[in-house]
Each structure stands twice: as C-alpha cells, then as structure tokens.
Amino acid sequence: MATWPERRHSPWPEGTRFTGPVLALLERHRVSRRGRVLTPDHVERAVSLYSTGRSCTSIGKELQVNPETIRQALLKAGMAMRRPGRPRTMEP
C-alpha cells in the first residue's frame, strides 16, 4: 500500500495565497495566469467610477478586467451594490 509523503515546509513566503495545489505548481514553474490582478489604484478608480453611476461592466471594460472581478473588489472595498439593470427615471 502506498503512503503519502510527509508535508514539508512550504517554499513560499508566509502570506502567499494559493487556492489549490495546481495553482502552486503553476506558480512554481512561473506559468502566467489569465486574469489581471487589480492594483489598489485600480480599485480606487473602480470605486470612484461606480460612485458616479457607472456599471461593473463598463468599469471592467475600461480597466480590462472581468465585471465580476470589479464587483468583488467593490464589495471588498465596502461599496453597497445597486440593483442590476438601468436606473429608472421618473416621467413628468
């Protein structure tokens, strides 16, 4: 019967976050990932744009990031999300 090897100390600096062994392997071999990472400046810009009424989709297009990434960054920044769809206007 095969036994599992003992876990060794991680070669990665403390605080490095991986979501699984596959990502760790990709990092070890320096394989680039598909998505872009939002910098703090991008998040600040996204918050500013969302506050002026822009949608996650339009912000994502401007920053070249998936709209869901924008939404998650806005939530993490403490923004209250609007309901999806176009805002309704009052007719006189």
N, C-alpha and C. Protein backbone atom coordinates (compact mmCIF):
# COMPACT_ATOMS: atom_id res chain seq x y z
N MET A 1 0.84 -1.17 0.00
CA MET A 1 0.00 0.00 0.00
C MET A 1 0.90 1.24 0.00
N ALA A 2 0.60 2.17 -0.88
CA ALA A 2 1.40 3.41 -0.98
C ALA A 2 1.03 4.34 0.16
N THR A 3 2.01 5.05 0.64
CA THR A 3 1.77 6.03 1.70
C THR A 3 2.02 7.43 1.15
N TRP A 4 1.36 8.39 1.75
CA TRP A 4 1.53 9.77 1.33
C TRP A 4 2.83 10.32 1.89
N PRO A 5 3.55 11.11 1.10
CA PRO A 5 4.78 11.70 1.63
C PRO A 5 4.45 12.70 2.73
N GLU A 6 5.40 12.90 3.63
CA GLU A 6 5.19 13.87 4.70
C GLU A 6 5.12 15.27 4.11
N ARG A 7 4.31 16.11 4.75
CA ARG A 7 4.25 17.50 4.31
C ARG A 7 5.53 18.20 4.74
N ARG A 8 6.09 18.95 3.82
CA ARG A 8 7.30 19.69 4.11
C ARG A 8 6.96 21.16 4.29
N HIS A 9 7.91 21.88 4.82
CA HIS A 9 7.73 23.31 4.97
C HIS A 9 7.56 23.93 3.59
N SER A 10 6.63 24.83 3.45
CA SER A 10 6.36 25.49 2.17
C SER A 10 7.53 26.37 1.75
N PRO A 11 7.92 26.31 0.47
CA PRO A 11 8.99 27.18 0.00
C PRO A 11 8.52 28.61 -0.24
N TRP A 12 7.21 28.84 -0.14
CA TRP A 12 6.65 30.16 -0.43
C TRP A 12 6.67 31.03 0.81
N PRO A 13 6.88 32.32 0.61
CA PRO A 13 6.87 33.23 1.76
C PRO A 13 5.52 33.18 2.47
N GLU A 14 5.55 33.39 3.78
CA GLU A 14 4.31 33.38 4.54
C GLU A 14 3.40 34.47 4.02
N GLY A 15 2.14 34.18 3.89
CA GLY A 15 1.18 35.14 3.35
C GLY A 15 0.87 34.90 1.88
N THR A 16 1.68 34.08 1.19
CA THR A 16 1.38 33.75 -0.20
C THR A 16 0.10 32.94 -0.21
N ARG A 17 -0.85 33.35 -1.06
CA ARG A 17 -2.16 32.71 -1.05
C ARG A 17 -2.39 31.94 -2.34
N PHE A 18 -2.62 30.66 -2.24
CA PHE A 18 -2.99 29.83 -3.37
C PHE A 18 -4.32 29.19 -3.04
N THR A 19 -5.09 28.89 -4.08
CA THR A 19 -6.38 28.25 -3.82
C THR A 19 -6.30 26.75 -4.03
N GLY A 20 -5.15 26.24 -4.38
CA GLY A 20 -5.04 24.80 -4.54
C GLY A 20 -3.67 24.39 -5.01
N PRO A 21 -3.43 23.09 -5.03
CA PRO A 21 -2.12 22.59 -5.43
C PRO A 21 -1.77 22.86 -6.89
N VAL A 22 -2.77 22.96 -7.74
CA VAL A 22 -2.50 23.23 -9.15
C VAL A 22 -1.93 24.63 -9.32
N LEU A 23 -2.54 25.61 -8.64
CA LEU A 23 -2.01 26.97 -8.73
C LEU A 23 -0.61 27.07 -8.15
N ALA A 24 -0.34 26.34 -7.09
CA ALA A 24 1.00 26.33 -6.52
C ALA A 24 2.01 25.78 -7.53
N LEU A 25 1.63 24.74 -8.23
CA LEU A 25 2.51 24.15 -9.25
C LEU A 25 2.75 25.14 -10.39
N LEU A 26 1.70 25.82 -10.83
CA LEU A 26 1.85 26.82 -11.89
C LEU A 26 2.78 27.95 -11.45
N GLU A 27 2.61 28.40 -10.21
CA GLU A 27 3.48 29.45 -9.69
C GLU A 27 4.93 28.98 -9.64
N ARG A 28 5.13 27.76 -9.19
CA ARG A 28 6.49 27.23 -9.07
C ARG A 28 7.19 27.22 -10.42
N HIS A 29 6.43 26.93 -11.49
CA HIS A 29 7.00 26.88 -12.83
C HIS A 29 6.84 28.19 -13.59
N ARG A 30 6.41 29.22 -12.87
CA ARG A 30 6.28 30.57 -13.40
C ARG A 30 5.38 30.65 -14.64
N VAL A 31 4.28 29.90 -14.61
CA VAL A 31 3.29 29.96 -15.68
C VAL A 31 2.38 31.14 -15.41
N SER A 32 2.21 32.01 -16.41
CA SER A 32 1.37 33.19 -16.19
C SER A 32 -0.09 32.79 -16.14
N ARG A 33 -0.84 33.55 -15.35
CA ARG A 33 -2.27 33.29 -15.21
C ARG A 33 -3.03 34.19 -16.18
N ARG A 34 -4.26 33.79 -16.48
CA ARG A 34 -5.05 34.52 -17.48
C ARG A 34 -5.52 35.87 -16.99
N GLY A 35 -6.05 35.93 -15.79
CA GLY A 35 -6.69 37.14 -15.32
C GLY A 35 -5.70 38.21 -14.89
N ARG A 36 -6.18 39.45 -14.89
CA ARG A 36 -5.37 40.55 -14.40
C ARG A 36 -5.70 40.78 -12.94
N VAL A 37 -4.72 41.19 -12.20
CA VAL A 37 -4.91 41.48 -10.79
C VAL A 37 -5.16 42.98 -10.65
N LEU A 38 -6.16 43.33 -9.86
CA LEU A 38 -6.45 44.74 -9.64
C LEU A 38 -5.47 45.31 -8.62
N THR A 39 -4.85 46.39 -8.99
CA THR A 39 -3.97 47.08 -8.06
C THR A 39 -4.82 47.96 -7.16
N PRO A 40 -4.29 48.45 -6.05
CA PRO A 40 -5.05 49.38 -5.20
C PRO A 40 -5.51 50.62 -5.98
N ASP A 41 -4.70 51.08 -6.93
CA ASP A 41 -5.12 52.22 -7.76
C ASP A 41 -6.32 51.88 -8.62
N HIS A 42 -6.34 50.64 -9.17
CA HIS A 42 -7.49 50.20 -9.97
C HIS A 42 -8.75 50.14 -9.11
N VAL A 43 -8.62 49.62 -7.90
CA VAL A 43 -9.78 49.50 -7.01
C VAL A 43 -10.30 50.90 -6.68
N GLU A 44 -9.39 51.82 -6.39
CA GLU A 44 -9.79 53.20 -6.08
C GLU A 44 -10.52 53.82 -7.27
N ARG A 45 -10.01 53.59 -8.47
CA ARG A 45 -10.65 54.10 -9.69
C ARG A 45 -12.02 53.46 -9.88
N ALA A 46 -12.12 52.16 -9.64
CA ALA A 46 -13.40 51.45 -9.79
C ALA A 46 -14.43 52.00 -8.81
N VAL A 47 -14.02 52.25 -7.56
CA VAL A 47 -14.93 52.81 -6.56
C VAL A 47 -15.41 54.18 -7.02
N SER A 48 -14.50 54.99 -7.51
CA SER A 48 -14.84 56.34 -7.98
C SER A 48 -15.84 56.28 -9.14
N LEU A 49 -15.56 55.42 -10.11
CA LEU A 49 -16.45 55.31 -11.28
C LEU A 49 -17.82 54.75 -10.89
N TYR A 50 -17.84 53.75 -10.01
CA TYR A 50 -19.11 53.16 -9.59
C TYR A 50 -19.94 54.18 -8.83
N SER A 51 -19.27 55.04 -8.06
CA SER A 51 -19.98 56.07 -7.29
C SER A 51 -20.66 57.09 -8.20
N THR A 52 -20.12 57.26 -9.40
CA THR A 52 -20.72 58.21 -10.35
C THR A 52 -21.82 57.58 -11.19
N GLY A 53 -22.11 56.29 -10.95
CA GLY A 53 -23.21 55.65 -11.66
C GLY A 53 -22.80 54.67 -12.74
N ARG A 54 -21.52 54.48 -12.96
CA ARG A 54 -21.06 53.53 -13.97
C ARG A 54 -21.34 52.11 -13.52
N SER A 55 -21.54 51.23 -14.49
CA SER A 55 -21.81 49.82 -14.19
C SER A 55 -20.51 49.04 -14.05
N CYS A 56 -20.62 47.86 -13.43
CA CYS A 56 -19.44 46.99 -13.29
C CYS A 56 -18.93 46.58 -14.68
N THR A 57 -19.85 46.40 -15.63
CA THR A 57 -19.47 46.01 -16.98
C THR A 57 -18.65 47.11 -17.65
N SER A 58 -19.10 48.35 -17.56
CA SER A 58 -18.36 49.43 -18.21
C SER A 58 -17.02 49.69 -17.52
N ILE A 59 -16.99 49.55 -16.20
CA ILE A 59 -15.73 49.72 -15.46
C ILE A 59 -14.76 48.60 -15.84
N GLY A 60 -15.29 47.39 -15.94
CA GLY A 60 -14.46 46.25 -16.33
C GLY A 60 -13.86 46.43 -17.71
N LYS A 61 -14.65 46.95 -18.65
CA LYS A 61 -14.13 47.21 -20.00
C LYS A 61 -13.01 48.24 -19.95
N GLU A 62 -13.21 49.30 -19.18
CA GLU A 62 -12.19 50.35 -19.09
C GLU A 62 -10.90 49.83 -18.47
N LEU A 63 -11.02 49.03 -17.42
CA LEU A 63 -9.83 48.52 -16.72
C LEU A 63 -9.34 47.20 -17.28
N GLN A 64 -10.04 46.68 -18.29
CA GLN A 64 -9.70 45.40 -18.94
C GLN A 64 -9.69 44.25 -17.95
N VAL A 65 -10.78 44.19 -17.16
CA VAL A 65 -10.94 43.15 -16.15
C VAL A 65 -12.38 42.64 -16.24
N ASN A 66 -12.60 41.41 -15.84
CA ASN A 66 -13.93 40.82 -15.82
C ASN A 66 -14.83 41.64 -14.89
N PRO A 67 -16.09 41.89 -15.29
CA PRO A 67 -17.01 42.65 -14.42
C PRO A 67 -17.21 42.01 -13.04
N GLU A 68 -17.15 40.69 -12.96
CA GLU A 68 -17.30 40.01 -11.67
C GLU A 68 -16.12 40.34 -10.76
N THR A 69 -14.94 40.49 -11.34
CA THR A 69 -13.76 40.89 -10.56
C THR A 69 -13.98 42.29 -10.00
N ILE A 70 -14.56 43.17 -10.82
CA ILE A 70 -14.88 44.53 -10.37
C ILE A 70 -15.88 44.47 -9.23
N ARG A 71 -16.94 43.69 -9.41
CA ARG A 71 -17.99 43.58 -8.38
C ARG A 71 -17.40 43.11 -7.06
N GLN A 72 -16.56 42.08 -7.11
CA GLN A 72 -15.97 41.54 -5.89
C GLN A 72 -15.04 42.57 -5.23
N ALA A 73 -14.30 43.32 -6.04
CA ALA A 73 -13.41 44.35 -5.48
C ALA A 73 -14.22 45.47 -4.83
N LEU A 74 -15.34 45.84 -5.45
CA LEU A 74 -16.19 46.88 -4.88
C LEU A 74 -16.80 46.43 -3.55
N LEU A 75 -17.26 45.19 -3.50
CA LEU A 75 -17.81 44.65 -2.26
C LEU A 75 -16.75 44.61 -1.16
N LYS A 76 -15.55 44.19 -1.52
CA LYS A 76 -14.47 44.12 -0.55
C LYS A 76 -14.10 45.51 -0.04
N ALA A 77 -14.27 46.53 -0.91
CA ALA A 77 -13.97 47.91 -0.54
C ALA A 77 -15.11 48.54 0.27
N GLY A 78 -16.20 47.78 0.47
CA GLY A 78 -17.30 48.27 1.30
C GLY A 78 -18.38 49.01 0.55
N MET A 79 -18.38 48.94 -0.78
CA MET A 79 -19.41 49.62 -1.57
C MET A 79 -20.73 48.86 -1.49
N ALA A 80 -21.83 49.60 -1.39
CA ALA A 80 -23.16 48.99 -1.47
C ALA A 80 -23.50 48.85 -2.95
N MET A 81 -23.86 47.66 -3.35
CA MET A 81 -24.14 47.41 -4.76
C MET A 81 -25.56 47.83 -5.11
N ARG A 82 -25.70 48.42 -6.31
CA ARG A 82 -27.02 48.78 -6.82
C ARG A 82 -27.67 47.54 -7.42
N ARG A 83 -28.95 47.60 -7.62
CA ARG A 83 -29.64 46.51 -8.31
C ARG A 83 -29.21 46.50 -9.77
N PRO A 84 -29.13 45.32 -10.38
CA PRO A 84 -28.73 45.27 -11.79
C PRO A 84 -29.77 45.90 -12.69
N GLY A 85 -29.35 46.36 -13.84
CA GLY A 85 -30.25 46.98 -14.81
C GLY A 85 -30.07 48.48 -14.84
N ARG A 86 -30.79 49.08 -15.74
CA ARG A 86 -30.70 50.53 -15.90
C ARG A 86 -31.52 51.23 -14.81
N PRO A 87 -31.02 52.38 -14.35
CA PRO A 87 -31.81 53.11 -13.35
C PRO A 87 -33.11 53.64 -13.96
N ARG A 88 -34.16 53.58 -13.17
CA ARG A 88 -35.45 54.08 -13.67
C ARG A 88 -35.52 55.57 -13.48
N THR A 89 -36.14 56.22 -14.44
CA THR A 89 -36.32 57.67 -14.33
C THR A 89 -37.79 57.96 -14.13
N MET A 90 -38.06 59.01 -13.40
CA MET A 90 -39.43 59.42 -13.16
C MET A 90 -39.91 60.22 -14.38
N GLU A 91 -41.06 59.86 -14.90
CA GLU A 91 -41.62 60.62 -16.01
C GLU A 91 -42.48 61.74 -15.45
N PRO A 92 -42.36 62.96 -16.03
CA PRO A 92 -43.16 64.10 -15.51
C PRO A 92 -44.63 63.96 -15.78
